[in-house]
């Protein structure tokens, strides 16, 4: 991999990791509702789960989708349904009263598994492998995974910190309810490119 290609990959990894999408919106909501420390397993699940996904796509999973195009449609439908379910859960999260158990954030395994139904994660993984591993050699695929791992974790962590900082302003049940409904609406809006691609 040339230096120019490596720099382009790092830029792609940063831009695609830091911009809004289902992972980042859910991490911001988790940071606001549960705080940074309790959201760490969720962040690690996103970062490491995505690296695993990139490696599997690079190892040949993309050829399965090319051989059976209907799998794209099935994946898209499943992703949309699951994201709508998550949006509903976020919107209906009950604001906590003092002393209440406010539930639990997404676990490491849940967040890692979520990558497989996240349309943005699929787009990122397929683009990374097809554009930045022209030779499809193992070392190139591992390098792509390593770069994404190094860039993705701090990027998603910044969304958790943003949510945690917003919690200072979400001091009333009404504000937290409005915030959760807004996050749910943005999560649904993130499906627009999936449902109506250009």
C-alpha atoms as a PDB file:
ATOM      1  CA  UNK A   1       0.000   0.000   0.000  1.00  0.00           C
ATOM      2  CA  UNK A   2       1.472   3.349  -1.066  1.00  0.00           C
ATOM      3  CA  UNK A   3       1.759   6.337   1.257  1.00  0.00           C
ATOM      4  CA  UNK A   4      -0.892   8.217  -0.735  1.00  0.00           C
ATOM      5  CA  UNK A   5      -3.327   5.310  -0.468  1.00  0.00           C
ATOM      6  CA  UNK A   6      -2.581   4.962   3.245  1.00  0.00           C
ATOM      7  CA  UNK A   7      -3.239   8.676   3.840  1.00  0.00           C
ATOM      8  CA  UNK A   8      -6.488   8.473   1.860  1.00  0.00           C
ATOM      9  CA  UNK A   9      -7.559   5.420   3.893  1.00  0.00           C
ATOM     10  CA  UNK A  10      -6.826   7.211   7.191  1.00  0.00           C
ATOM     11  CA  UNK A  11      -8.861  10.218   6.035  1.00  0.00           C
ATOM     12  CA  UNK A  12     -11.737   7.972   4.926  1.00  0.00           C
ATOM     13  CA  UNK A  13     -11.638   6.105   8.252  1.00  0.00           C
ATOM     14  CA  UNK A  14     -11.741   9.371  10.206  1.00  0.00           C
ATOM     15  CA  UNK A  15     -14.512  11.049   8.212  1.00  0.00           C
ATOM     16  CA  UNK A  16     -16.710   7.955   8.112  1.00  0.00           C
ATOM     17  CA  UNK A  17     -16.128   7.226  11.822  1.00  0.00           C
ATOM     18  CA  UNK A  18     -16.702  10.748  13.168  1.00  0.00           C
ATOM     19  CA  UNK A  19     -19.778  11.710  11.126  1.00  0.00           C
ATOM     20  CA  UNK A  20     -23.308  11.050  12.429  1.00  0.00           C
ATOM     21  CA  UNK A  21     -24.697   7.572  11.967  1.00  0.00           C
ATOM     22  CA  UNK A  22     -26.536   4.940  13.980  1.00  0.00           C
ATOM     23  CA  UNK A  23     -23.507   4.034  16.134  1.00  0.00           C
ATOM     24  CA  UNK A  24     -22.621   7.610  17.024  1.00  0.00           C
ATOM     25  CA  UNK A  25     -26.201   8.668  17.712  1.00  0.00           C
ATOM     26  CA  UNK A  26     -26.753   5.692  20.016  1.00  0.00           C
ATOM     27  CA  UNK A  27     -23.441   6.356  21.788  1.00  0.00           C
ATOM     28  CA  UNK A  28     -24.393   9.983  22.348  1.00  0.00           C
ATOM     29  CA  UNK A  29     -27.733   8.868  23.801  1.00  0.00           C
ATOM     30  CA  UNK A  30     -25.949   6.305  25.980  1.00  0.00           C
ATOM     31  CA  UNK A  31     -23.422   8.889  27.181  1.00  0.00           C
ATOM     32  CA  UNK A  32     -26.271  11.207  28.153  1.00  0.00           C
ATOM     33  CA  UNK A  33     -28.321   8.506  29.876  1.00  0.00           C
ATOM     34  CA  UNK A  34     -25.600   6.321  31.444  1.00  0.00           C
ATOM     35  CA  UNK A  35     -22.357   8.338  31.439  1.00  0.00           C
ATOM     36  CA  UNK A  36     -18.982   7.641  29.844  1.00  0.00           C
ATOM     37  CA  UNK A  37     -17.761   4.826  32.081  1.00  0.00           C
ATOM     38  CA  UNK A  38     -20.886   2.673  31.705  1.00  0.00           C
ATOM     39  CA  UNK A  39     -20.797   3.202  27.925  1.00  0.00           C
ATOM     40  CA  UNK A  40     -17.199   1.915  27.495  1.00  0.00           C
ATOM     41  CA  UNK A  41     -18.310  -1.668  26.629  1.00  0.00           C
ATOM     42  CA  UNK A  42     -20.648  -0.213  23.980  1.00  0.00           C
ATOM     43  CA  UNK A  43     -17.791   1.862  22.498  1.00  0.00           C
ATOM     44  CA  UNK A  44     -15.414  -1.110  22.461  1.00  0.00           C
ATOM     45  CA  UNK A  45     -18.099  -3.271  20.863  1.00  0.00           C
ATOM     46  CA  UNK A  46     -18.548  -0.715  18.075  1.00  0.00           C
ATOM     47  CA  UNK A  47     -14.823  -0.295  17.410  1.00  0.00           C
ATOM     48  CA  UNK A  48     -13.731  -3.938  17.654  1.00  0.00           C
ATOM     49  CA  UNK A  49     -16.940  -5.286  16.123  1.00  0.00           C
ATOM     50  CA  UNK A  50     -16.393  -3.074  13.093  1.00  0.00           C
ATOM     51  CA  UNK A  51     -12.758  -4.163  12.740  1.00  0.00           C
ATOM     52  CA  UNK A  52     -13.937  -7.792  12.765  1.00  0.00           C
ATOM     53  CA  UNK A  53     -16.545  -6.936  10.141  1.00  0.00           C
ATOM     54  CA  UNK A  54     -13.896  -5.329   7.888  1.00  0.00           C
ATOM     55  CA  UNK A  55     -11.719  -8.427   8.205  1.00  0.00           C
ATOM     56  CA  UNK A  56     -14.620 -10.738   7.341  1.00  0.00           C
ATOM     57  CA  UNK A  57     -15.613  -8.612   4.338  1.00  0.00           C
ATOM     58  CA  UNK A  58     -11.987  -8.609   3.206  1.00  0.00           C
ATOM     59  CA  UNK A  59     -11.744 -12.365   3.702  1.00  0.00           C
ATOM     60  CA  UNK A  60     -14.399 -12.914   1.054  1.00  0.00           C
ATOM     61  CA  UNK A  61     -17.796 -12.224   2.574  1.00  0.00           C
ATOM     62  CA  UNK A  62     -18.406  -9.581  -0.094  1.00  0.00           C
ATOM     63  CA  UNK A  63     -18.238 -12.338  -2.740  1.00  0.00           C
ATOM     64  CA  UNK A  64     -21.221 -14.047  -1.112  1.00  0.00           C
ATOM     65  CA  UNK A  65     -23.276 -10.886  -1.533  1.00  0.00           C
ATOM     66  CA  UNK A  66     -22.132 -10.519  -5.136  1.00  0.00           C
ATOM     67  CA  UNK A  67     -23.050 -14.148  -5.878  1.00  0.00           C
ATOM     68  CA  UNK A  68     -26.483 -13.843  -4.229  1.00  0.00           C
ATOM     69  CA  UNK A  69     -27.761 -10.257  -4.765  1.00  0.00           C
ATOM     70  CA  UNK A  70     -31.004 -10.999  -2.892  1.00  0.00           C
ATOM     71  CA  UNK A  71     -28.942 -11.063   0.308  1.00  0.00           C
ATOM     72  CA  UNK A  72     -28.470  -7.277  -0.031  1.00  0.00           C
ATOM     73  CA  UNK A  73     -32.253  -6.831   0.030  1.00  0.00           C
ATOM     74  CA  UNK A  74     -32.654  -9.135   3.032  1.00  0.00           C
ATOM     75  CA  UNK A  75     -29.858  -7.333   4.890  1.00  0.00           C
ATOM     76  CA  UNK A  76     -31.371  -3.944   4.081  1.00  0.00           C
ATOM     77  CA  UNK A  77     -34.844  -4.951   5.292  1.00  0.00           C
ATOM     78  CA  UNK A  78     -33.477  -6.498   8.487  1.00  0.00           C
ATOM     79  CA  UNK A  79     -31.328  -3.433   9.164  1.00  0.00           C
ATOM     80  CA  UNK A  80     -34.222  -1.024   8.740  1.00  0.00           C
ATOM     81  CA  UNK A  81     -36.521  -3.048  11.004  1.00  0.00           C
ATOM     82  CA  UNK A  82     -33.880  -3.380  13.731  1.00  0.00           C
ATOM     83  CA  UNK A  83     -32.936   0.312  13.630  1.00  0.00           C
ATOM     84  CA  UNK A  84     -36.604   1.295  13.880  1.00  0.00           C
ATOM     85  CA  UNK A  85     -36.888  -0.966  16.936  1.00  0.00           C
ATOM     86  CA  UNK A  86     -33.821   0.686  18.519  1.00  0.00           C
ATOM     87  CA  UNK A  87     -35.240   4.145  17.772  1.00  0.00           C
ATOM     88  CA  UNK A  88     -38.475   3.130  19.507  1.00  0.00           C
ATOM     89  CA  UNK A  89     -36.497   1.934  22.556  1.00  0.00           C
ATOM     90  CA  UNK A  90     -34.530   5.193  22.742  1.00  0.00           C
ATOM     91  CA  UNK A  91     -37.666   7.322  22.348  1.00  0.00           C
ATOM     92  CA  UNK A  92     -39.504   5.419  25.076  1.00  0.00           C
ATOM     93  CA  UNK A  93     -36.631   5.277  27.548  1.00  0.00           C
ATOM     94  CA  UNK A  94     -38.139   6.339  30.864  1.00  0.00           C
ATOM     95  CA  UNK A  95     -36.382   9.253  32.542  1.00  0.00           C
ATOM     96  CA  UNK A  96     -35.037   8.160  35.890  1.00  0.00           C
ATOM     97  CA  UNK A  97     -36.148   9.471  39.248  1.00  0.00           C
ATOM     98  CA  UNK A  98     -33.617   9.726  42.077  1.00  0.00           C
ATOM     99  CA  UNK A  99     -32.754   6.246  43.304  1.00  0.00           C
ATOM    100  CA  UNK A 100     -34.257   4.518  40.247  1.00  0.00           C
ATOM    101  CA  UNK A 101     -32.391   1.972  38.216  1.00  0.00           C
ATOM    102  CA  UNK A 102     -32.149   3.661  34.794  1.00  0.00           C
ATOM    103  CA  UNK A 103     -31.584   0.444  32.893  1.00  0.00           C
ATOM    104  CA  UNK A 104     -28.448  -0.767  31.241  1.00  0.00           C
ATOM    105  CA  UNK A 105     -26.451   0.457  28.264  1.00  0.00           C
ATOM    106  CA  UNK A 106     -25.713  -1.767  25.282  1.00  0.00           C
ATOM    107  CA  UNK A 107     -23.178  -4.490  26.083  1.00  0.00           C
ATOM    108  CA  UNK A 108     -19.941  -5.200  24.199  1.00  0.00           C
ATOM    109  CA  UNK A 109     -21.431  -8.197  22.379  1.00  0.00           C
ATOM    110  CA  UNK A 110     -24.665  -6.373  21.534  1.00  0.00           C
ATOM    111  CA  UNK A 111     -22.721  -3.448  20.070  1.00  0.00           C
ATOM    112  CA  UNK A 112     -20.393  -5.768  18.127  1.00  0.00           C
ATOM    113  CA  UNK A 113     -23.346  -7.729  16.739  1.00  0.00           C
ATOM    114  CA  UNK A 114     -25.124  -4.482  15.852  1.00  0.00           C
ATOM    115  CA  UNK A 115     -22.455  -3.741  13.243  1.00  0.00           C
ATOM    116  CA  UNK A 116     -23.896  -6.529  11.076  1.00  0.00           C
ATOM    117  CA  UNK A 117     -27.270  -4.759  10.786  1.00  0.00           C
ATOM    118  CA  UNK A 118     -25.879  -1.217  10.626  1.00  0.00           C
ATOM    119  CA  UNK A 119     -26.199   0.086   7.043  1.00  0.00           C
ATOM    120  CA  UNK A 120     -23.476   2.703   7.548  1.00  0.00           C
ATOM    121  CA  UNK A 121     -21.049   0.068   8.853  1.00  0.00           C
ATOM    122  CA  UNK A 122     -21.701  -2.088   5.772  1.00  0.00           C
ATOM    123  CA  UNK A 123     -21.107   0.865   3.453  1.00  0.00           C
ATOM    124  CA  UNK A 124     -17.879   1.740   5.279  1.00  0.00           C
ATOM    125  CA  UNK A 125     -16.569  -1.850   5.273  1.00  0.00           C
ATOM    126  CA  UNK A 126     -17.398  -2.510   1.612  1.00  0.00           C
ATOM    127  CA  UNK A 127     -15.871   0.801   0.511  1.00  0.00           C
ATOM    128  CA  UNK A 128     -12.743   0.297   2.615  1.00  0.00           C
ATOM    129  CA  UNK A 129     -12.073  -3.152   1.199  1.00  0.00           C
ATOM    130  CA  UNK A 130     -12.923  -2.388  -2.423  1.00  0.00           C
ATOM    131  CA  UNK A 131     -11.140   0.990  -2.588  1.00  0.00           C
ATOM    132  CA  UNK A 132      -8.131   0.523  -0.326  1.00  0.00           C
ATOM    133  CA  UNK A 133      -7.121  -3.122  -0.800  1.00  0.00           C
ATOM    134  CA  UNK A 134      -6.777  -3.362  -4.580  1.00  0.00           C
ATOM    135  CA  UNK A 135      -4.589  -6.458  -4.275  1.00  0.00           C
ATOM    136  CA  UNK A 136      -6.856  -8.095  -1.636  1.00  0.00           C
ATOM    137  CA  UNK A 137      -3.782  -9.461   0.115  1.00  0.00           C
ATOM    138  CA  UNK A 138      -4.073 -10.474   3.750  1.00  0.00           C
ATOM    139  CA  UNK A 139      -1.623  -7.851   5.010  1.00  0.00           C
ATOM    140  CA  UNK A 140      -3.566  -5.092   3.223  1.00  0.00           C
ATOM    141  CA  UNK A 141      -6.837  -6.256   4.777  1.00  0.00           C
ATOM    142  CA  UNK A 142      -5.218  -6.429   8.230  1.00  0.00           C
ATOM    143  CA  UNK A 143      -3.788  -2.925   7.741  1.00  0.00           C
ATOM    144  CA  UNK A 144      -7.224  -1.549   6.833  1.00  0.00           C
ATOM    145  CA  UNK A 145      -8.667  -3.177   9.966  1.00  0.00           C
ATOM    146  CA  UNK A 146      -5.859  -1.806  12.155  1.00  0.00           C
ATOM    147  CA  UNK A 147      -6.254   1.739  10.834  1.00  0.00           C
ATOM    148  CA  UNK A 148      -9.995   1.657  11.383  1.00  0.00           C
ATOM    149  CA  UNK A 149      -9.497   0.274  14.884  1.00  0.00           C
ATOM    150  CA  UNK A 150      -7.051   3.053  15.776  1.00  0.00           C
ATOM    151  CA  UNK A 151      -9.249   5.818  14.375  1.00  0.00           C
ATOM    152  CA  UNK A 152     -12.733   4.506  15.129  1.00  0.00           C
ATOM    153  CA  UNK A 153     -12.463   4.150  18.921  1.00  0.00           C
ATOM    154  CA  UNK A 154     -11.502   7.773  19.684  1.00  0.00           C
ATOM    155  CA  UNK A 155     -14.049   8.969  17.115  1.00  0.00           C
ATOM    156  CA  UNK A 156     -16.960   7.098  18.668  1.00  0.00           C
ATOM    157  CA  UNK A 157     -15.657   7.990  22.123  1.00  0.00           C
ATOM    158  CA  UNK A 158     -16.026  11.674  21.279  1.00  0.00           C
ATOM    159  CA  UNK A 159     -19.769  11.137  20.700  1.00  0.00           C
ATOM    160  CA  UNK A 160     -20.075   9.473  24.101  1.00  0.00           C
ATOM    161  CA  UNK A 161     -18.291  12.432  25.719  1.00  0.00           C
ATOM    162  CA  UNK A 162     -20.634  14.799  23.875  1.00  0.00           C
ATOM    163  CA  UNK A 163     -23.623  12.910  25.256  1.00  0.00           C
ATOM    164  CA  UNK A 164     -22.146  12.893  28.752  1.00  0.00           C
ATOM    165  CA  UNK A 165     -21.604  16.665  28.587  1.00  0.00           C
ATOM    166  CA  UNK A 166     -25.151  17.184  27.337  1.00  0.00           C
ATOM    167  CA  UNK A 167     -26.393  15.370  30.450  1.00  0.00           C
ATOM    168  CA  UNK A 168     -25.583  18.549  32.395  1.00  0.00           C
ATOM    169  CA  UNK A 169     -28.451  20.226  30.549  1.00  0.00           C
ATOM    170  CA  UNK A 170     -30.767  17.227  30.727  1.00  0.00           C
ATOM    171  CA  UNK A 171     -31.502  17.709  34.397  1.00  0.00           C
ATOM    172  CA  UNK A 172     -35.272  17.380  34.173  1.00  0.00           C
ATOM    173  CA  UNK A 173     -37.301  14.369  33.001  1.00  0.00           C
ATOM    174  CA  UNK A 174     -38.929  16.558  30.342  1.00  0.00           C
ATOM    175  CA  UNK A 175     -35.580  17.625  28.829  1.00  0.00           C
ATOM    176  CA  UNK A 176     -34.306  14.057  28.829  1.00  0.00           C
ATOM    177  CA  UNK A 177     -37.513  12.870  27.166  1.00  0.00           C
ATOM    178  CA  UNK A 178     -37.162  15.531  24.448  1.00  0.00           C
ATOM    179  CA  UNK A 179     -33.501  14.561  23.990  1.00  0.00           C
ATOM    180  CA  UNK A 180     -34.326  10.854  23.686  1.00  0.00           C
ATOM    181  CA  UNK A 181     -37.102  11.521  21.166  1.00  0.00           C
ATOM    182  CA  UNK A 182     -34.733  13.755  19.174  1.00  0.00           C
ATOM    183  CA  UNK A 183     -32.071  11.037  19.130  1.00  0.00           C
ATOM    184  CA  UNK A 184     -34.692   8.502  18.033  1.00  0.00           C
ATOM    185  CA  UNK A 185     -35.829  10.810  15.213  1.00  0.00           C
ATOM    186  CA  UNK A 186     -32.241  11.342  14.051  1.00  0.00           C
ATOM    187  CA  UNK A 187     -31.662   7.590  14.111  1.00  0.00           C
ATOM    188  CA  UNK A 188     -34.691   7.086  11.874  1.00  0.00           C
ATOM    189  CA  UNK A 189     -33.486   9.949   9.636  1.00  0.00           C
ATOM    190  CA  UNK A 190     -30.124   8.174   9.248  1.00  0.00           C
ATOM    191  CA  UNK A 191     -32.025   5.460   7.351  1.00  0.00           C
ATOM    192  CA  UNK A 192     -32.906   7.870   4.521  1.00  0.00           C
ATOM    193  CA  UNK A 193     -29.951   6.885   2.276  1.00  0.00           C
ATOM    194  CA  UNK A 194     -30.763   3.202   2.821  1.00  0.00           C
ATOM    195  CA  UNK A 195     -34.466   3.423   2.061  1.00  0.00           C
ATOM    196  CA  UNK A 196     -34.194   5.975  -0.771  1.00  0.00           C
ATOM    197  CA  UNK A 197     -30.710   5.595  -2.306  1.00  0.00           C
ATOM    198  CA  UNK A 198     -29.765   7.973  -5.092  1.00  0.00           C
END
